[in-house]
Amino acid sequence: MNVNEDVKTQRSDQQLPSASTEASYDSCSLHRSGTNDMENISATTENKQQVKNVGEKEEKEQVIKDKDFIIEHLYEKRERLSEWVGDLEGVLNKREQDLRFAKEELKNGKTSVSRLQNEVEKGQEKNSLLRSDLRGLRSELQDAQAERNTSEQQLNEKEVNFRVLQPN
């Protein structure tokens, strides 16, 4: 064998491993690509679950804020109605006291009968209107309390539903 044949043999020997290395590399690339695809799918699924959990958490927090706001509003309304009822009861008591006094004066004959009768009638009319207003306010107070109870129950049911939907 001469030197030229030796060099040609070496070159052909060097080309063969090079070709098999490329084939081997392509096989590894395909395997890595498949693994990367699986990792991407898994990461995407985890991301979707995290987004869902965050959304559920935000929705639950909003429901709780809404519940707190409604309850606070209803308590304020109930407080105002209670104050009005107390004020009307005070006025009504004062008017009844004035009527008793007027009737007493009438009995004793200290003032004219007709004037006292007019005062008594006016007082009775005013008392009738005040009682009507008082009944209306009491009715509003009861309605507000019923509304608050209904809202609390509905919000509690929503909160229970959110708890059931959350993963353990």
N, C-alpha and C. Protein backbone atom coordinates (compact mmCIF):
# COMPACT_ATOMS: atom_id res chain seq x y z
N MET A 1 0.82 -1.16 0.00
CA MET A 1 0.00 0.00 0.00
C MET A 1 0.88 1.24 0.00
N ASN A 2 0.53 2.21 -0.79
CA ASN A 2 1.33 3.42 -0.83
C ASN A 2 0.72 4.48 0.06
N VAL A 3 1.33 5.60 0.14
CA VAL A 3 0.94 6.68 1.04
C VAL A 3 -0.40 7.27 0.60
N ASN A 4 -0.65 7.38 -0.69
CA ASN A 4 -1.90 7.94 -1.17
C ASN A 4 -3.07 7.06 -0.78
N GLU A 5 -2.91 5.77 -0.88
CA GLU A 5 -3.98 4.86 -0.50
C GLU A 5 -4.24 4.92 0.99
N ASP A 6 -3.16 5.07 1.77
CA ASP A 6 -3.28 5.22 3.23
C ASP A 6 -4.12 6.44 3.57
N VAL A 7 -3.86 7.54 2.94
CA VAL A 7 -4.57 8.80 3.23
C VAL A 7 -6.02 8.66 2.82
N LYS A 8 -6.30 8.01 1.66
CA LYS A 8 -7.67 7.82 1.23
C LYS A 8 -8.42 6.94 2.20
N THR A 9 -7.78 5.92 2.73
CA THR A 9 -8.41 5.01 3.68
C THR A 9 -8.74 5.75 4.97
N GLN A 10 -7.78 6.58 5.40
CA GLN A 10 -8.03 7.34 6.63
C GLN A 10 -9.20 8.30 6.43
N ARG A 11 -9.24 8.94 5.31
CA ARG A 11 -10.33 9.89 5.07
C ARG A 11 -11.66 9.18 5.04
N SER A 12 -11.75 8.04 4.38
CA SER A 12 -13.03 7.32 4.34
C SER A 12 -13.39 6.79 5.73
N ASP A 13 -12.39 6.40 6.51
CA ASP A 13 -12.66 5.94 7.88
C ASP A 13 -13.18 7.11 8.74
N GLN A 14 -12.64 8.28 8.52
CA GLN A 14 -13.05 9.43 9.31
C GLN A 14 -14.46 9.87 8.93
N GLN A 15 -14.86 9.67 7.71
CA GLN A 15 -16.18 10.08 7.29
C GLN A 15 -17.26 9.17 7.87
N LEU A 16 -17.00 7.91 8.00
CA LEU A 16 -18.00 6.98 8.51
C LEU A 16 -18.43 7.32 9.94
N PRO A 17 -17.52 7.48 10.89
CA PRO A 17 -17.98 7.82 12.23
C PRO A 17 -18.71 9.15 12.25
N SER A 18 -18.30 10.06 11.42
CA SER A 18 -18.95 11.36 11.39
C SER A 18 -20.41 11.21 11.00
N ALA A 19 -20.71 10.39 10.04
CA ALA A 19 -22.09 10.17 9.61
C ALA A 19 -22.88 9.50 10.71
N SER A 20 -22.33 8.53 11.39
CA SER A 20 -23.08 7.85 12.44
C SER A 20 -23.30 8.76 13.64
N THR A 21 -22.35 9.69 13.89
CA THR A 21 -22.52 10.65 14.99
C THR A 21 -23.69 11.57 14.70
N GLU A 22 -23.85 12.02 13.45
CA GLU A 22 -24.96 12.88 13.09
C GLU A 22 -26.28 12.15 13.26
N ALA A 23 -26.33 10.89 12.86
CA ALA A 23 -27.55 10.10 13.01
C ALA A 23 -27.89 9.95 14.48
N SER A 24 -26.86 9.71 15.28
CA SER A 24 -27.08 9.56 16.71
C SER A 24 -27.58 10.88 17.31
N TYR A 25 -27.02 11.97 16.85
CA TYR A 25 -27.41 13.28 17.36
C TYR A 25 -28.87 13.58 17.01
N ASP A 26 -29.29 13.25 15.77
CA ASP A 26 -30.67 13.47 15.37
C ASP A 26 -31.62 12.67 16.25
N SER A 27 -31.27 11.48 16.60
CA SER A 27 -32.09 10.65 17.47
C SER A 27 -32.24 11.29 18.84
N CYS A 28 -31.13 11.83 19.36
CA CYS A 28 -31.17 12.50 20.67
C CYS A 28 -32.02 13.75 20.60
N SER A 29 -31.92 14.48 19.51
CA SER A 29 -32.71 15.71 19.36
C SER A 29 -34.19 15.39 19.39
N LEU A 30 -34.60 14.33 18.70
CA LEU A 30 -35.99 13.94 18.70
C LEU A 30 -36.45 13.58 20.10
N HIS A 31 -35.61 12.85 20.84
CA HIS A 31 -35.97 12.47 22.20
C HIS A 31 -36.09 13.71 23.09
N ARG A 32 -35.11 14.63 22.95
CA ARG A 32 -35.16 15.86 23.75
C ARG A 32 -36.39 16.68 23.39
N SER A 33 -36.71 16.76 22.11
CA SER A 33 -37.87 17.52 21.66
C SER A 33 -39.15 16.94 22.27
N GLY A 34 -39.27 15.63 22.28
CA GLY A 34 -40.45 14.97 22.86
C GLY A 34 -40.54 15.24 24.36
N THR A 35 -39.39 15.19 25.03
CA THR A 35 -39.36 15.47 26.47
C THR A 35 -39.76 16.90 26.74
N ASN A 36 -39.24 17.83 25.92
CA ASN A 36 -39.58 19.25 26.08
C ASN A 36 -41.07 19.47 25.87
N ASP A 37 -41.66 18.80 24.85
CA ASP A 37 -43.10 18.93 24.61
C ASP A 37 -43.89 18.47 25.83
N MET A 38 -43.51 17.37 26.43
CA MET A 38 -44.21 16.85 27.62
C MET A 38 -44.07 17.82 28.79
N GLU A 39 -42.86 18.38 28.94
CA GLU A 39 -42.65 19.35 30.01
C GLU A 39 -43.49 20.60 29.78
N ASN A 40 -43.59 21.04 28.52
CA ASN A 40 -44.40 22.22 28.19
C ASN A 40 -45.87 21.97 28.47
N ILE A 41 -46.36 20.79 28.09
CA ILE A 41 -47.76 20.43 28.35
C ILE A 41 -48.02 20.41 29.85
N SER A 42 -47.12 19.80 30.60
CA SER A 42 -47.28 19.74 32.06
C SER A 42 -47.26 21.14 32.66
N ALA A 43 -46.33 21.98 32.22
CA ALA A 43 -46.24 23.36 32.73
C ALA A 43 -47.49 24.14 32.38
N THR A 44 -48.01 23.95 31.16
CA THR A 44 -49.22 24.65 30.74
C THR A 44 -50.40 24.23 31.60
N THR A 45 -50.52 22.94 31.88
CA THR A 45 -51.60 22.43 32.73
C THR A 45 -51.48 23.02 34.13
N GLU A 46 -50.27 23.06 34.66
CA GLU A 46 -50.07 23.65 35.99
C GLU A 46 -50.41 25.13 35.99
N ASN A 47 -50.01 25.84 34.93
CA ASN A 47 -50.33 27.27 34.83
C ASN A 47 -51.83 27.49 34.78
N LYS A 48 -52.53 26.68 33.98
CA LYS A 48 -53.99 26.80 33.91
C LYS A 48 -54.62 26.57 35.28
N GLN A 49 -54.13 25.58 36.00
CA GLN A 49 -54.66 25.29 37.34
C GLN A 49 -54.39 26.46 38.29
N GLN A 50 -53.19 27.04 38.19
CA GLN A 50 -52.85 28.18 39.05
C GLN A 50 -53.74 29.37 38.72
N VAL A 51 -53.97 29.63 37.44
CA VAL A 51 -54.83 30.73 37.03
C VAL A 51 -56.24 30.49 37.54
N LYS A 52 -56.71 29.26 37.43
CA LYS A 52 -58.05 28.91 37.92
C LYS A 52 -58.13 29.13 39.43
N ASN A 53 -57.12 28.68 40.16
CA ASN A 53 -57.11 28.85 41.62
C ASN A 53 -57.09 30.33 41.99
N VAL A 54 -56.29 31.13 41.28
CA VAL A 54 -56.23 32.56 41.57
C VAL A 54 -57.58 33.20 41.28
N GLY A 55 -58.20 32.83 40.17
CA GLY A 55 -59.51 33.37 39.82
C GLY A 55 -60.56 33.02 40.87
N GLU A 56 -60.56 31.77 41.32
CA GLU A 56 -61.52 31.36 42.35
C GLU A 56 -61.26 32.11 43.64
N LYS A 57 -60.00 32.29 43.96
CA LYS A 57 -59.65 33.01 45.20
C LYS A 57 -60.11 34.46 45.11
N GLU A 58 -59.87 35.12 43.96
CA GLU A 58 -60.29 36.50 43.78
C GLU A 58 -61.81 36.61 43.84
N GLU A 59 -62.50 35.66 43.21
CA GLU A 59 -63.96 35.69 43.23
C GLU A 59 -64.49 35.50 44.64
N LYS A 60 -63.87 34.59 45.39
CA LYS A 60 -64.29 34.36 46.78
C LYS A 60 -64.05 35.62 47.62
N GLU A 61 -62.89 36.26 47.42
CA GLU A 61 -62.59 37.48 48.16
C GLU A 61 -63.60 38.58 47.82
N GLN A 62 -64.00 38.66 46.55
CA GLN A 62 -64.98 39.67 46.15
C GLN A 62 -66.34 39.38 46.78
N VAL A 63 -66.72 38.11 46.85
CA VAL A 63 -68.00 37.74 47.48
C VAL A 63 -67.97 38.13 48.96
N ILE A 64 -66.84 37.88 49.61
CA ILE A 64 -66.72 38.23 51.03
C ILE A 64 -66.80 39.75 51.20
N LYS A 65 -66.12 40.51 50.31
CA LYS A 65 -66.19 41.97 50.40
C LYS A 65 -67.62 42.45 50.18
N ASP A 66 -68.31 41.86 49.19
CA ASP A 66 -69.70 42.23 48.92
C ASP A 66 -70.57 41.92 50.13
N LYS A 67 -70.36 40.76 50.72
CA LYS A 67 -71.13 40.36 51.90
C LYS A 67 -70.91 41.35 53.03
N ASP A 68 -69.67 41.69 53.29
CA ASP A 68 -69.35 42.64 54.36
C ASP A 68 -69.99 43.99 54.10
N PHE A 69 -69.93 44.45 52.83
CA PHE A 69 -70.52 45.74 52.48
C PHE A 69 -72.03 45.73 52.70
N ILE A 70 -72.70 44.69 52.25
CA ILE A 70 -74.16 44.59 52.39
C ILE A 70 -74.54 44.55 53.86
N ILE A 71 -73.84 43.74 54.62
CA ILE A 71 -74.15 43.62 56.05
C ILE A 71 -73.93 44.97 56.74
N GLU A 72 -72.82 45.64 56.43
CA GLU A 72 -72.56 46.95 57.04
C GLU A 72 -73.66 47.94 56.66
N HIS A 73 -74.06 47.94 55.39
CA HIS A 73 -75.12 48.84 54.93
C HIS A 73 -76.43 48.55 55.67
N LEU A 74 -76.76 47.28 55.83
CA LEU A 74 -78.01 46.92 56.50
C LEU A 74 -77.96 47.28 57.98
N TYR A 75 -76.82 47.11 58.62
CA TYR A 75 -76.70 47.51 60.03
C TYR A 75 -76.88 49.03 60.17
N GLU A 76 -76.29 49.79 59.25
CA GLU A 76 -76.45 51.24 59.29
C GLU A 76 -77.92 51.62 59.10
N LYS A 77 -78.58 50.98 58.15
CA LYS A 77 -79.99 51.27 57.90
C LYS A 77 -80.83 50.91 59.11
N ARG A 78 -80.55 49.77 59.70
CA ARG A 78 -81.29 49.34 60.90
C ARG A 78 -81.06 50.33 62.05
N GLU A 79 -79.83 50.82 62.18
CA GLU A 79 -79.52 51.79 63.24
C GLU A 79 -80.31 53.08 63.04
N ARG A 80 -80.35 53.58 61.79
CA ARG A 80 -81.12 54.80 61.51
C ARG A 80 -82.60 54.58 61.79
N LEU A 81 -83.14 53.46 61.36
CA LEU A 81 -84.56 53.18 61.60
C LEU A 81 -84.84 53.06 63.10
N SER A 82 -83.93 52.44 63.83
CA SER A 82 -84.10 52.33 65.28
C SER A 82 -84.11 53.70 65.94
N GLU A 83 -83.23 54.58 65.47
CA GLU A 83 -83.20 55.94 66.01
C GLU A 83 -84.52 56.66 65.72
N TRP A 84 -85.03 56.51 64.50
CA TRP A 84 -86.29 57.15 64.14
C TRP A 84 -87.43 56.61 64.99
N VAL A 85 -87.46 55.31 65.19
CA VAL A 85 -88.50 54.71 66.02
C VAL A 85 -88.42 55.27 67.43
N GLY A 86 -87.20 55.36 67.96
CA GLY A 86 -87.02 55.92 69.31
C GLY A 86 -87.49 57.36 69.37
N ASP A 87 -87.14 58.16 68.36
CA ASP A 87 -87.57 59.55 68.33
C ASP A 87 -89.09 59.66 68.28
N LEU A 88 -89.72 58.88 67.43
CA LEU A 88 -91.18 58.92 67.32
C LEU A 88 -91.86 58.46 68.60
N GLU A 89 -91.29 57.46 69.24
CA GLU A 89 -91.86 56.99 70.51
C GLU A 89 -91.78 58.10 71.56
N GLY A 90 -90.66 58.84 71.57
CA GLY A 90 -90.51 59.96 72.50
C GLY A 90 -91.55 61.04 72.24
N VAL A 91 -91.73 61.39 70.97
CA VAL A 91 -92.73 62.41 70.62
C VAL A 91 -94.12 61.92 70.98
N LEU A 92 -94.40 60.66 70.69
CA LEU A 92 -95.71 60.10 70.99
C LEU A 92 -95.97 60.13 72.50
N ASN A 93 -94.98 59.77 73.28
CA ASN A 93 -95.14 59.79 74.74
C ASN A 93 -95.40 61.21 75.24
N LYS A 94 -94.69 62.19 74.66
CA LYS A 94 -94.89 63.59 75.06
C LYS A 94 -96.30 64.03 74.72
N ARG A 95 -96.77 63.68 73.56
CA ARG A 95 -98.13 64.08 73.14
C ARG A 95 -99.18 63.42 74.03
N GLU A 96 -98.97 62.17 74.35
CA GLU A 96 -99.93 61.49 75.23
C GLU A 96 -99.95 62.15 76.62
N GLN A 97 -98.79 62.55 77.08
CA GLN A 97 -98.70 63.24 78.36
C GLN A 97 -99.46 64.58 78.28
N ASP A 98 -99.26 65.31 77.20
CA ASP A 98 -99.97 66.57 77.01
C ASP A 98 -101.49 66.35 76.97
N LEU A 99 -101.91 65.28 76.31
CA LEU A 99 -103.34 64.97 76.25
C LEU A 99 -103.90 64.65 77.64
N ARG A 100 -103.15 63.88 78.40
CA ARG A 100 -103.62 63.57 79.77
C ARG A 100 -103.76 64.85 80.60
N PHE A 101 -102.79 65.73 80.42
CA PHE A 101 -102.83 66.99 81.15
C PHE A 101 -104.04 67.82 80.71
N ALA A 102 -104.28 67.87 79.39
CA ALA A 102 -105.42 68.64 78.88
C ALA A 102 -106.73 68.06 79.38
N LYS A 103 -106.82 66.76 79.40
CA LYS A 103 -108.04 66.11 79.91
C LYS A 103 -108.22 66.43 81.40
N GLU A 104 -107.13 66.45 82.11
CA GLU A 104 -107.20 66.78 83.53
C GLU A 104 -107.68 68.21 83.74
N GLU A 105 -107.16 69.14 82.94
CA GLU A 105 -107.61 70.52 83.03
C GLU A 105 -109.09 70.64 82.70
N LEU A 106 -109.48 69.89 81.68
CA LEU A 106 -110.90 69.90 81.30
C LEU A 106 -111.75 69.44 82.47
N LYS A 107 -111.30 68.41 83.10
CA LYS A 107 -112.03 67.88 84.25
C LYS A 107 -112.15 68.94 85.35
N ASN A 108 -111.11 69.59 85.60
CA ASN A 108 -111.10 70.56 86.70
C ASN A 108 -111.78 71.87 86.32
N GLY A 109 -112.10 72.05 85.07
CA GLY A 109 -112.80 73.25 84.65
C GLY A 109 -111.93 74.48 84.64
N LYS A 110 -110.61 74.37 84.57
CA LYS A 110 -109.73 75.52 84.62
C LYS A 110 -109.73 76.29 83.30
N THR A 111 -110.04 75.66 82.25
CA THR A 111 -110.07 76.35 80.95
C THR A 111 -111.38 76.05 80.27
N SER A 112 -111.59 76.71 79.19
CA SER A 112 -112.86 76.50 78.49
C SER A 112 -112.93 75.12 77.88
N VAL A 113 -114.07 74.56 77.93
CA VAL A 113 -114.29 73.20 77.45
C VAL A 113 -114.03 73.09 75.94
N SER A 114 -114.51 74.01 75.19
CA SER A 114 -114.37 73.89 73.73
C SER A 114 -112.90 73.98 73.30
N ARG A 115 -112.16 74.89 73.93
CA ARG A 115 -110.74 75.02 73.59
C ARG A 115 -109.99 73.74 73.91
N LEU A 116 -110.25 73.18 75.03
CA LEU A 116 -109.59 71.94 75.42
C LEU A 116 -110.00 70.78 74.52
N GLN A 117 -111.27 70.76 74.15
CA GLN A 117 -111.72 69.69 73.26
C GLN A 117 -111.00 69.80 71.91
N ASN A 118 -110.83 71.03 71.43
CA ASN A 118 -110.11 71.24 70.16
C ASN A 118 -108.65 70.77 70.29
N GLU A 119 -108.01 71.12 71.39
CA GLU A 119 -106.64 70.69 71.62
C GLU A 119 -106.53 69.18 71.69
N VAL A 120 -107.49 68.59 72.38
CA VAL A 120 -107.49 67.13 72.50
C VAL A 120 -107.67 66.49 71.13
N GLU A 121 -108.59 67.00 70.34
CA GLU A 121 -108.82 66.44 69.01
C GLU A 121 -107.59 66.61 68.11
N LYS A 122 -106.99 67.78 68.17
CA LYS A 122 -105.77 68.00 67.38
C LYS A 122 -104.65 67.06 67.83
N GLY A 123 -104.54 66.93 69.13
CA GLY A 123 -103.52 66.02 69.66
C GLY A 123 -103.78 64.58 69.25
N GLN A 124 -105.05 64.18 69.26
CA GLN A 124 -105.39 62.81 68.86
C GLN A 124 -105.09 62.60 67.37
N GLU A 125 -105.37 63.60 66.55
CA GLU A 125 -105.06 63.50 65.13
C GLU A 125 -103.55 63.37 64.90
N LYS A 126 -102.81 64.20 65.63
CA LYS A 126 -101.35 64.13 65.50
C LYS A 126 -100.83 62.77 65.97
N ASN A 127 -101.39 62.30 67.08
CA ASN A 127 -100.98 60.99 67.59
C ASN A 127 -101.31 59.89 66.59
N SER A 128 -102.45 60.01 65.95
CA SER A 128 -102.83 59.02 64.95
C SER A 128 -101.82 59.00 63.80
N LEU A 129 -101.43 60.19 63.36
CA LEU A 129 -100.43 60.27 62.28
C LEU A 129 -99.08 59.72 62.74
N LEU A 130 -98.71 60.07 63.96
CA LEU A 130 -97.44 59.57 64.49
C LEU A 130 -97.46 58.04 64.64
N ARG A 131 -98.57 57.51 65.09
CA ARG A 131 -98.67 56.04 65.22
C ARG A 131 -98.57 55.38 63.84
N SER A 132 -99.20 56.01 62.87
CA SER A 132 -99.11 55.48 61.51
C SER A 132 -97.66 55.50 61.03
N ASP A 133 -96.98 56.63 61.26
CA ASP A 133 -95.56 56.73 60.88
C ASP A 133 -94.73 55.69 61.63
N LEU A 134 -95.03 55.53 62.91
CA LEU A 134 -94.30 54.55 63.73
C LEU A 134 -94.49 53.14 63.19
N ARG A 135 -95.74 52.80 62.83
CA ARG A 135 -95.99 51.46 62.26
C ARG A 135 -95.22 51.29 60.94
N GLY A 136 -95.19 52.33 60.13
CA GLY A 136 -94.45 52.26 58.87
C GLY A 136 -92.96 52.05 59.10
N LEU A 137 -92.40 52.78 60.06
CA LEU A 137 -90.98 52.62 60.36
C LEU A 137 -90.67 51.25 60.95
N ARG A 138 -91.54 50.78 61.80
CA ARG A 138 -91.34 49.43 62.34
C ARG A 138 -91.39 48.39 61.23
N SER A 139 -92.30 48.59 60.30
CA SER A 139 -92.40 47.68 59.16
C SER A 139 -91.12 47.74 58.32
N GLU A 140 -90.60 48.95 58.08
CA GLU A 140 -89.35 49.09 57.33
C GLU A 140 -88.20 48.43 58.07
N LEU A 141 -88.19 48.59 59.39
CA LEU A 141 -87.14 47.97 60.20
C LEU A 141 -87.20 46.45 60.07
N GLN A 142 -88.39 45.90 60.15
CA GLN A 142 -88.54 44.45 60.00
C GLN A 142 -88.13 44.00 58.61
N ASP A 143 -88.50 44.77 57.60
CA ASP A 143 -88.11 44.44 56.22
C ASP A 143 -86.60 44.48 56.06
N ALA A 144 -85.96 45.49 56.66
CA ALA A 144 -84.51 45.61 56.56
C ALA A 144 -83.83 44.43 57.26
N GLN A 145 -84.37 44.03 58.40
CA GLN A 145 -83.79 42.88 59.10
C GLN A 145 -83.99 41.60 58.29
N ALA A 146 -85.15 41.45 57.70
CA ALA A 146 -85.41 40.26 56.87
C ALA A 146 -84.49 40.27 55.65
N GLU A 147 -84.30 41.45 55.04
CA GLU A 147 -83.40 41.57 53.89
C GLU A 147 -81.98 41.21 54.29
N ARG A 148 -81.55 41.70 55.43
CA ARG A 148 -80.21 41.39 55.91
C ARG A 148 -80.05 39.89 56.13
N ASN A 149 -81.04 39.28 56.77
CA ASN A 149 -80.97 37.83 57.02
C ASN A 149 -80.92 37.05 55.71
N THR A 150 -81.73 37.46 54.75
CA THR A 150 -81.74 36.78 53.45
C THR A 150 -80.40 36.95 52.74
N SER A 151 -79.86 38.17 52.77
CA SER A 151 -78.56 38.43 52.13
C SER A 151 -77.45 37.63 52.79
N GLU A 152 -77.47 37.59 54.11
CA GLU A 152 -76.45 36.82 54.82
C GLU A 152 -76.56 35.34 54.46
N GLN A 153 -77.78 34.84 54.40
CA GLN A 153 -77.97 33.43 54.06
C GLN A 153 -77.48 33.14 52.64
N GLN A 154 -77.83 34.00 51.69
CA GLN A 154 -77.39 33.79 50.31
C GLN A 154 -75.87 33.86 50.20
N LEU A 155 -75.27 34.82 50.86
CA LEU A 155 -73.82 34.96 50.80
C LEU A 155 -73.14 33.78 51.49
N ASN A 156 -73.71 33.30 52.57
CA ASN A 156 -73.15 32.12 53.24
C ASN A 156 -73.25 30.89 52.33
N GLU A 157 -74.36 30.77 51.60
CA GLU A 157 -74.49 29.65 50.67
C GLU A 157 -73.45 29.74 49.56
N LYS A 158 -73.20 30.95 49.04
CA LYS A 158 -72.17 31.12 48.02
C LYS A 158 -70.80 30.77 48.57
N GLU A 159 -70.55 31.17 49.79
CA GLU A 159 -69.26 30.88 50.39
C GLU A 159 -69.09 29.37 50.56
N VAL A 160 -70.15 28.67 50.95
CA VAL A 160 -70.09 27.21 51.09
C VAL A 160 -69.84 26.58 49.72
N ASN A 161 -70.50 27.11 48.69
CA ASN A 161 -70.30 26.58 47.33
C ASN A 161 -68.87 26.78 46.88
N PHE A 162 -68.26 27.90 47.19
CA PHE A 162 -66.86 28.12 46.84
C PHE A 162 -65.96 27.14 47.57
N ARG A 163 -66.26 26.88 48.80
CA ARG A 163 -65.44 25.93 49.55
C ARG A 163 -65.54 24.54 48.94
N VAL A 164 -66.71 24.19 48.48
CA VAL A 164 -66.90 22.87 47.88
C VAL A 164 -66.13 22.79 46.57
N LEU A 165 -66.08 23.89 45.82
CA LEU A 165 -65.40 23.90 44.53
C LEU A 165 -63.89 23.92 44.66
N GLN A 166 -63.37 24.37 45.77
CA GLN A 166 -61.91 24.45 45.94
C GLN A 166 -61.34 23.06 46.12
N PRO A 167 -60.15 22.83 45.48
CA PRO A 167 -59.48 21.52 45.67
C PRO A 167 -58.94 21.43 47.09
N ASN A 168 -58.92 20.21 47.59
CA ASN A 168 -58.47 20.04 48.99
C ASN A 168 -57.01 20.11 49.12
